[in-house]
Amino acid sequence: MRKLTGAVFLSLDGVMQAPGGPDEDPSSGFRFGGWTQPFWGEEMGPFEDLITSDYDLLLGKRTYDIFAAYWPYNQDDPIGEKFQRINKYVLTHSDAPLEWDNSQKLSGDTAAAAVGELKQSEGRDLLIQGSSTLYVPLLAAGLIDRLVLMTFPVLLGEGKRIFDGSEKAGALKLVDHFVANTGVITATYEPAGEVRTGTFVNKPPSEAELKRREQWAREDA
């Protein structure tokens, strides 16, 4: 089975929109396109190994359109050359043709069904770049095997986010981490089953605590 990795550039408040440049994705009036560039350095840790590894791309249509309008025209960049020759699998409801070389539309009743079938096929492992809309359904279906979150020291306050509050609850385990000298923190996570809970309380609740619980229960009713 193919493994699926999601690699995400994030602000501290969880925004992932338009990290690469001002004109990348100004939808909904987003004002901060290119917010990762001031923090990019020569040593970016695990991301460098990931982006140069062997994979095919899994993309949403908007990210596909952004990439298709940029990378074929930047073949002097090793990433552009790589993206040109590998397969690009695109989740889209559009009937518009995918004109970039080696691009293929994924079909299925749901995004999870289409990606689940793709993962069962023969081929290289898969990498999501951008494509914010893919994460909620694929995480809920347990189809993402690894998350590489690159968190940049900036607050944006607005924009598209990887997590929107509708995610399925689940635990993650940290399998790798790296801190760049520019302040960017890369943390790599893999699924780790159900959320576990516990308590630091080791005494019976006080009368004040019992009253608090009763009051909050009435207020929440």
C-alpha atoms as a PDB file:
ATOM      1  CA  MET A   1       0.000   0.000   0.000  1.00  0.00           C
ATOM      2  CA  ARG A   2       1.178   3.501  -0.781  1.00  0.00           C
ATOM      3  CA  LYS A   3       1.904   5.725   2.208  1.00  0.00           C
ATOM      4  CA  LEU A   4       0.385   9.216   2.314  1.00  0.00           C
ATOM      5  CA  THR A   5       2.208  12.173   3.892  1.00  0.00           C
ATOM      6  CA  GLY A   6       0.771  15.646   4.373  1.00  0.00           C
ATOM      7  CA  ALA A   7       3.414  18.399   4.537  1.00  0.00           C
ATOM      8  CA  VAL A   8       2.059  21.744   5.703  1.00  0.00           C
ATOM      9  CA  PHE A   9       3.447  25.246   6.189  1.00  0.00           C
ATOM     10  CA  LEU A  10       1.601  26.737   9.182  1.00  0.00           C
ATOM     11  CA  SER A  11       1.497  30.016  11.024  1.00  0.00           C
ATOM     12  CA  LEU A  12       1.358  29.813  14.815  1.00  0.00           C
ATOM     13  CA  ASP A  13      -2.412  30.300  14.639  1.00  0.00           C
ATOM     14  CA  GLY A  14      -2.866  27.527  12.089  1.00  0.00           C
ATOM     15  CA  VAL A  15      -3.133  29.404   8.776  1.00  0.00           C
ATOM     16  CA  MET A  16      -1.703  27.659   5.700  1.00  0.00           C
ATOM     17  CA  GLN A  17      -2.928  29.936   2.886  1.00  0.00           C
ATOM     18  CA  ALA A  18      -0.536  31.351   0.265  1.00  0.00           C
ATOM     19  CA  PRO A  19       2.810  30.678   1.940  1.00  0.00           C
ATOM     20  CA  GLY A  20       4.814  31.200  -1.247  1.00  0.00           C
ATOM     21  CA  GLY A  21       3.970  34.655  -2.594  1.00  0.00           C
ATOM     22  CA  PRO A  22       1.529  37.592  -2.672  1.00  0.00           C
ATOM     23  CA  ASP A  23      -0.288  36.395  -5.809  1.00  0.00           C
ATOM     24  CA  GLU A  24      -0.429  32.715  -4.902  1.00  0.00           C
ATOM     25  CA  ASP A  25      -3.911  32.689  -3.369  1.00  0.00           C
ATOM     26  CA  PRO A  26      -5.438  36.064  -2.437  1.00  0.00           C
ATOM     27  CA  SER A  27      -8.951  34.589  -2.168  1.00  0.00           C
ATOM     28  CA  SER A  28     -11.242  36.027   0.529  1.00  0.00           C
ATOM     29  CA  GLY A  29      -9.025  39.092   0.647  1.00  0.00           C
ATOM     30  CA  PHE A  30      -6.000  37.314   2.148  1.00  0.00           C
ATOM     31  CA  ARG A  31      -3.316  39.976   2.602  1.00  0.00           C
ATOM     32  CA  PHE A  32      -0.205  38.087   3.685  1.00  0.00           C
ATOM     33  CA  GLY A  33       0.797  35.918   0.719  1.00  0.00           C
ATOM     34  CA  GLY A  34       4.472  34.965   0.952  1.00  0.00           C
ATOM     35  CA  TRP A  35       4.598  34.901   4.745  1.00  0.00           C
ATOM     36  CA  THR A  36       7.070  31.971   4.891  1.00  0.00           C
ATOM     37  CA  GLN A  37       9.807  33.592   2.783  1.00  0.00           C
ATOM     38  CA  PRO A  38      11.331  35.836   5.485  1.00  0.00           C
ATOM     39  CA  PHE A  39      11.850  32.770   7.699  1.00  0.00           C
ATOM     40  CA  TRP A  40      13.363  30.485   5.064  1.00  0.00           C
ATOM     41  CA  GLY A  41      16.969  29.467   5.665  1.00  0.00           C
ATOM     42  CA  GLU A  42      19.652  27.190   4.286  1.00  0.00           C
ATOM     43  CA  GLU A  43      18.835  24.489   6.846  1.00  0.00           C
ATOM     44  CA  MET A  44      15.140  23.527   6.926  1.00  0.00           C
ATOM     45  CA  GLY A  45      15.593  20.026   8.320  1.00  0.00           C
ATOM     46  CA  PRO A  46      13.225  17.160   7.461  1.00  0.00           C
ATOM     47  CA  PHE A  47      11.405  19.152   4.781  1.00  0.00           C
ATOM     48  CA  GLU A  48      14.498  19.132   2.595  1.00  0.00           C
ATOM     49  CA  ASP A  49      14.708  15.344   2.790  1.00  0.00           C
ATOM     50  CA  LEU A  50      10.988  15.003   2.152  1.00  0.00           C
ATOM     51  CA  ILE A  51      10.739  17.272  -0.886  1.00  0.00           C
ATOM     52  CA  THR A  52      13.696  15.525  -2.571  1.00  0.00           C
ATOM     53  CA  SER A  53      12.434  11.996  -1.811  1.00  0.00           C
ATOM     54  CA  ASP A  54      10.507   9.705  -4.183  1.00  0.00           C
ATOM     55  CA  TYR A  55       6.744  10.391  -4.333  1.00  0.00           C
ATOM     56  CA  ASP A  56       3.739  11.343  -6.432  1.00  0.00           C
ATOM     57  CA  LEU A  57       1.657  14.417  -5.612  1.00  0.00           C
ATOM     58  CA  LEU A  58      -1.913  14.389  -4.285  1.00  0.00           C
ATOM     59  CA  LEU A  59      -3.544  17.792  -4.768  1.00  0.00           C
ATOM     60  CA  GLY A  60      -6.789  19.680  -4.492  1.00  0.00           C
ATOM     61  CA  LYS A  61      -7.849  21.547  -7.628  1.00  0.00           C
ATOM     62  CA  ARG A  62      -6.911  25.046  -6.459  1.00  0.00           C
ATOM     63  CA  THR A  63      -3.390  23.987  -5.475  1.00  0.00           C
ATOM     64  CA  TYR A  64      -3.090  22.057  -8.723  1.00  0.00           C
ATOM     65  CA  ASP A  65      -3.991  25.212 -10.665  1.00  0.00           C
ATOM     66  CA  ILE A  66      -1.409  27.239  -8.718  1.00  0.00           C
ATOM     67  CA  PHE A  67       1.316  24.652  -9.315  1.00  0.00           C
ATOM     68  CA  ALA A  68       0.398  24.110 -12.988  1.00  0.00           C
ATOM     69  CA  ALA A  69       0.723  27.836 -13.672  1.00  0.00           C
ATOM     70  CA  TYR A  70       4.137  28.040 -12.007  1.00  0.00           C
ATOM     71  CA  TRP A  71       6.276  24.904 -11.965  1.00  0.00           C
ATOM     72  CA  PRO A  72       6.218  23.981 -15.693  1.00  0.00           C
ATOM     73  CA  TYR A  73       7.706  27.413 -16.349  1.00  0.00           C
ATOM     74  CA  ASN A  74      10.450  27.029 -13.740  1.00  0.00           C
ATOM     75  CA  GLN A  75      12.283  23.939 -14.926  1.00  0.00           C
ATOM     76  CA  ASP A  76      15.653  25.323 -13.840  1.00  0.00           C
ATOM     77  CA  ASP A  77      14.541  24.647 -10.270  1.00  0.00           C
ATOM     78  CA  PRO A  78      15.071  20.994  -9.215  1.00  0.00           C
ATOM     79  CA  ILE A  79      11.596  20.963  -7.653  1.00  0.00           C
ATOM     80  CA  GLY A  80      10.063  22.179 -10.905  1.00  0.00           C
ATOM     81  CA  GLU A  81      11.824  19.442 -12.865  1.00  0.00           C
ATOM     82  CA  LYS A  82      10.698  16.834 -10.354  1.00  0.00           C
ATOM     83  CA  PHE A  83       7.071  18.005 -10.279  1.00  0.00           C
ATOM     84  CA  GLN A  84       7.017  17.967 -14.082  1.00  0.00           C
ATOM     85  CA  ARG A  85       7.834  14.266 -14.400  1.00  0.00           C
ATOM     86  CA  ILE A  86       6.046  12.706 -11.418  1.00  0.00           C
ATOM     87  CA  ASN A  87       2.341  11.863 -11.322  1.00  0.00           C
ATOM     88  CA  LYS A  88      -0.117  14.474 -10.088  1.00  0.00           C
ATOM     89  CA  TYR A  89      -3.399  13.054  -8.732  1.00  0.00           C
ATOM     90  CA  VAL A  90      -6.099  15.702  -8.422  1.00  0.00           C
ATOM     91  CA  LEU A  91      -9.298  15.592  -6.389  1.00  0.00           C
ATOM     92  CA  THR A  92     -11.795  17.759  -8.246  1.00  0.00           C
ATOM     93  CA  HIS A  93     -15.432  17.922  -9.304  1.00  0.00           C
ATOM     94  CA  SER A  94     -14.517  20.055 -12.301  1.00  0.00           C
ATOM     95  CA  ASP A  95     -14.749  18.695 -15.837  1.00  0.00           C
ATOM     96  CA  ALA A  96     -11.972  21.004 -17.012  1.00  0.00           C
ATOM     97  CA  PRO A  97      -9.051  19.084 -18.557  1.00  0.00           C
ATOM     98  CA  LEU A  98      -5.854  18.695 -16.553  1.00  0.00           C
ATOM     99  CA  GLU A  99      -3.253  19.891 -19.038  1.00  0.00           C
ATOM    100  CA  TRP A 100      -0.081  19.615 -16.953  1.00  0.00           C
ATOM    101  CA  ASP A 101       1.993  16.563 -17.891  1.00  0.00           C
ATOM    102  CA  ASN A 102       1.267  13.350 -15.958  1.00  0.00           C
ATOM    103  CA  SER A 103      -1.891  14.711 -14.293  1.00  0.00           C
ATOM    104  CA  GLN A 104      -4.863  12.506 -13.482  1.00  0.00           C
ATOM    105  CA  LYS A 105      -8.270  13.263 -12.021  1.00  0.00           C
ATOM    106  CA  LEU A 106      -9.348  11.048  -9.117  1.00  0.00           C
ATOM    107  CA  SER A 107     -12.909   9.792  -9.202  1.00  0.00           C
ATOM    108  CA  GLY A 108     -14.995   8.369  -6.379  1.00  0.00           C
ATOM    109  CA  ASP A 109     -18.129   8.898  -4.320  1.00  0.00           C
ATOM    110  CA  THR A 110     -16.056  10.792  -1.736  1.00  0.00           C
ATOM    111  CA  ALA A 111     -12.524  12.108  -1.391  1.00  0.00           C
ATOM    112  CA  ALA A 112     -11.802   9.354   1.121  1.00  0.00           C
ATOM    113  CA  ALA A 113     -13.023   6.651  -1.260  1.00  0.00           C
ATOM    114  CA  ALA A 114     -10.950   7.984  -4.154  1.00  0.00           C
ATOM    115  CA  VAL A 115      -7.782   8.323  -2.095  1.00  0.00           C
ATOM    116  CA  GLY A 116      -8.330   4.969  -0.398  1.00  0.00           C
ATOM    117  CA  GLU A 117      -8.451   3.291  -3.800  1.00  0.00           C
ATOM    118  CA  LEU A 118      -5.360   5.179  -4.941  1.00  0.00           C
ATOM    119  CA  LYS A 119      -3.417   4.072  -1.878  1.00  0.00           C
ATOM    120  CA  GLN A 120      -4.209   0.460  -2.710  1.00  0.00           C
ATOM    121  CA  SER A 121      -2.728   0.805  -6.205  1.00  0.00           C
ATOM    122  CA  GLU A 122       0.859   0.202  -7.272  1.00  0.00           C
ATOM    123  CA  GLY A 123       3.148   3.189  -7.348  1.00  0.00           C
ATOM    124  CA  ARG A 124       5.185   5.664  -5.385  1.00  0.00           C
ATOM    125  CA  ASP A 125       4.168   6.978  -1.985  1.00  0.00           C
ATOM    126  CA  LEU A 126       2.010  10.109  -2.006  1.00  0.00           C
ATOM    127  CA  LEU A 127       2.654  13.658  -0.792  1.00  0.00           C
ATOM    128  CA  ILE A 128       0.057  16.387  -0.223  1.00  0.00           C
ATOM    129  CA  GLN A 129       1.237  19.942  -0.797  1.00  0.00           C
ATOM    130  CA  GLY A 130      -1.106  22.833  -0.017  1.00  0.00           C
ATOM    131  CA  SER A 131      -4.652  21.553  -0.637  1.00  0.00           C
ATOM    132  CA  SER A 132      -6.222  22.603   2.666  1.00  0.00           C
ATOM    133  CA  THR A 133      -9.601  21.012   1.856  1.00  0.00           C
ATOM    134  CA  LEU A 134      -8.143  17.500   1.732  1.00  0.00           C
ATOM    135  CA  TYR A 135      -7.080  17.209   5.339  1.00  0.00           C
ATOM    136  CA  VAL A 136     -10.379  17.007   7.213  1.00  0.00           C
ATOM    137  CA  PRO A 137     -11.902  14.130   5.177  1.00  0.00           C
ATOM    138  CA  LEU A 138      -8.637  12.216   4.840  1.00  0.00           C
ATOM    139  CA  LEU A 139      -7.733  12.517   8.519  1.00  0.00           C
ATOM    140  CA  ALA A 140     -11.258  11.461   9.492  1.00  0.00           C
ATOM    141  CA  ALA A 141     -10.910   8.365   7.295  1.00  0.00           C
ATOM    142  CA  GLY A 142      -7.495   7.493   8.750  1.00  0.00           C
ATOM    143  CA  LEU A 143      -5.809   7.785   5.355  1.00  0.00           C
ATOM    144  CA  ILE A 144      -2.937  10.122   6.235  1.00  0.00           C
ATOM    145  CA  ASP A 145       0.017   8.118   7.511  1.00  0.00           C
ATOM    146  CA  ARG A 146       2.261  11.018   8.452  1.00  0.00           C
ATOM    147  CA  LEU A 147       1.910  14.767   9.083  1.00  0.00           C
ATOM    148  CA  VAL A 148       4.905  17.044   8.673  1.00  0.00           C
ATOM    149  CA  LEU A 149       3.960  20.393  10.208  1.00  0.00           C
ATOM    150  CA  MET A 150       6.328  23.307   9.662  1.00  0.00           C
ATOM    151  CA  THR A 151       5.269  26.042  12.073  1.00  0.00           C
ATOM    152  CA  PHE A 152       6.513  29.566  11.361  1.00  0.00           C
ATOM    153  CA  PRO A 153       6.796  32.222  14.099  1.00  0.00           C
ATOM    154  CA  VAL A 154       4.070  34.511  12.806  1.00  0.00           C
ATOM    155  CA  LEU A 155       0.403  35.182  13.603  1.00  0.00           C
ATOM    156  CA  LEU A 156      -1.841  35.841  10.598  1.00  0.00           C
ATOM    157  CA  GLY A 157      -5.314  35.919  12.122  1.00  0.00           C
ATOM    158  CA  GLU A 158      -7.110  35.072   8.898  1.00  0.00           C
ATOM    159  CA  GLY A 159      -6.899  32.601   6.031  1.00  0.00           C
ATOM    160  CA  LYS A 160      -7.401  28.948   5.179  1.00  0.00           C
ATOM    161  CA  ARG A 161      -6.555  26.452   7.887  1.00  0.00           C
ATOM    162  CA  ILE A 162      -5.651  22.788   7.980  1.00  0.00           C
ATOM    163  CA  PHE A 163      -7.901  22.224  11.019  1.00  0.00           C
ATOM    164  CA  ASP A 164     -11.378  23.749  11.176  1.00  0.00           C
ATOM    165  CA  GLY A 165     -12.779  22.097  14.313  1.00  0.00           C
ATOM    166  CA  SER A 166     -14.545  19.263  12.507  1.00  0.00           C
ATOM    167  CA  GLU A 167     -11.670  16.802  12.746  1.00  0.00           C
ATOM    168  CA  LYS A 168     -12.115  13.312  14.127  1.00  0.00           C
ATOM    169  CA  ALA A 169     -10.503  13.022  17.571  1.00  0.00           C
ATOM    170  CA  GLY A 170      -7.307  10.991  17.701  1.00  0.00           C
ATOM    171  CA  ALA A 171      -3.862  10.868  19.267  1.00  0.00           C
ATOM    172  CA  LEU A 172      -0.575  11.470  17.435  1.00  0.00           C
ATOM    173  CA  LYS A 173       2.977  10.495  18.249  1.00  0.00           C
ATOM    174  CA  LEU A 174       5.995  12.662  17.522  1.00  0.00           C
ATOM    175  CA  VAL A 175       8.513  10.755  15.389  1.00  0.00           C
ATOM    176  CA  ASP A 176      10.880  13.567  14.406  1.00  0.00           C
ATOM    177  CA  HIS A 177      11.467  17.240  15.109  1.00  0.00           C
ATOM    178  CA  PHE A 178      13.783  20.028  14.022  1.00  0.00           C
ATOM    179  CA  VAL A 179      14.195  23.692  14.964  1.00  0.00           C
ATOM    180  CA  ALA A 180      15.697  25.994  12.324  1.00  0.00           C
ATOM    181  CA  ASN A 181      17.763  28.983  13.335  1.00  0.00           C
ATOM    182  CA  THR A 182      15.039  31.184  11.826  1.00  0.00           C
ATOM    183  CA  GLY A 183      12.559  29.925  14.431  1.00  0.00           C
ATOM    184  CA  VAL A 184      10.686  27.485  12.181  1.00  0.00           C
ATOM    185  CA  ILE A 185       9.747  24.296  14.032  1.00  0.00           C
ATOM    186  CA  THR A 186       9.230  21.119  12.000  1.00  0.00           C
ATOM    187  CA  ALA A 187       7.375  18.345  13.817  1.00  0.00           C
ATOM    188  CA  THR A 188       6.567  15.010  12.201  1.00  0.00           C
ATOM    189  CA  TYR A 189       3.629  13.029  13.572  1.00  0.00           C
ATOM    190  CA  GLU A 190       2.068   9.632  12.972  1.00  0.00           C
ATOM    191  CA  PRO A 191      -1.360   8.396  14.150  1.00  0.00           C
ATOM    192  CA  ALA A 192      -1.366   6.852  17.613  1.00  0.00           C
ATOM    193  CA  GLY A 193      -4.891   5.565  18.204  1.00  0.00           C
ATOM    194  CA  GLU A 194      -7.591   7.026  20.415  1.00  0.00           C
ATOM    195  CA  VAL A 195      -7.270  10.101  22.616  1.00  0.00           C
ATOM    196  CA  ARG A 196      -6.305   9.124  26.144  1.00  0.00           C
ATOM    197  CA  THR A 197      -7.360  11.162  29.155  1.00  0.00           C
ATOM    198  CA  GLY A 198      -6.354  11.297  32.804  1.00  0.00           C
ATOM    199  CA  THR A 199      -6.467  13.547  35.851  1.00  0.00           C
ATOM    200  CA  PHE A 200      -4.044  15.211  38.250  1.00  0.00           C
ATOM    201  CA  VAL A 201      -6.678  15.183  41.023  1.00  0.00           C
ATOM    202  CA  ASN A 202      -5.862  12.626  43.714  1.00  0.00           C
ATOM    203  CA  LYS A 203      -8.360  13.630  46.415  1.00  0.00           C
ATOM    204  CA  PRO A 204     -12.168  13.557  46.626  1.00  0.00           C
ATOM    205  CA  PRO A 205     -13.718  16.779  45.259  1.00  0.00           C
ATOM    206  CA  SER A 206     -14.323  19.601  47.712  1.00  0.00           C
ATOM    207  CA  GLU A 207     -17.779  20.977  48.443  1.00  0.00           C
ATOM    208  CA  ALA A 208     -16.858  24.068  46.393  1.00  0.00           C
ATOM    209  CA  GLU A 209     -15.887  21.869  43.465  1.00  0.00           C
ATOM    210  CA  LEU A 210     -19.158  19.936  43.630  1.00  0.00           C
ATOM    211  CA  LYS A 211     -21.098  23.209  43.648  1.00  0.00           C
ATOM    212  CA  ARG A 212     -19.083  24.442  40.671  1.00  0.00           C
ATOM    213  CA  ARG A 213     -19.909  21.311  38.685  1.00  0.00           C
ATOM    214  CA  GLU A 214     -23.614  21.618  39.509  1.00  0.00           C
ATOM    215  CA  GLN A 215     -23.665  25.288  38.534  1.00  0.00           C
ATOM    216  CA  TRP A 216     -21.887  24.713  35.217  1.00  0.00           C
ATOM    217  CA  ALA A 217     -24.138  21.758  34.431  1.00  0.00           C
ATOM    218  CA  ARG A 218     -27.204  24.000  34.918  1.00  0.00           C
ATOM    219  CA  GLU A 219     -25.670  26.727  32.758  1.00  0.00           C
ATOM    220  CA  ASP A 220     -24.859  24.264  29.976  1.00  0.00           C
ATOM    221  CA  ALA A 221     -28.296  22.598  30.050  1.00  0.00           C
END
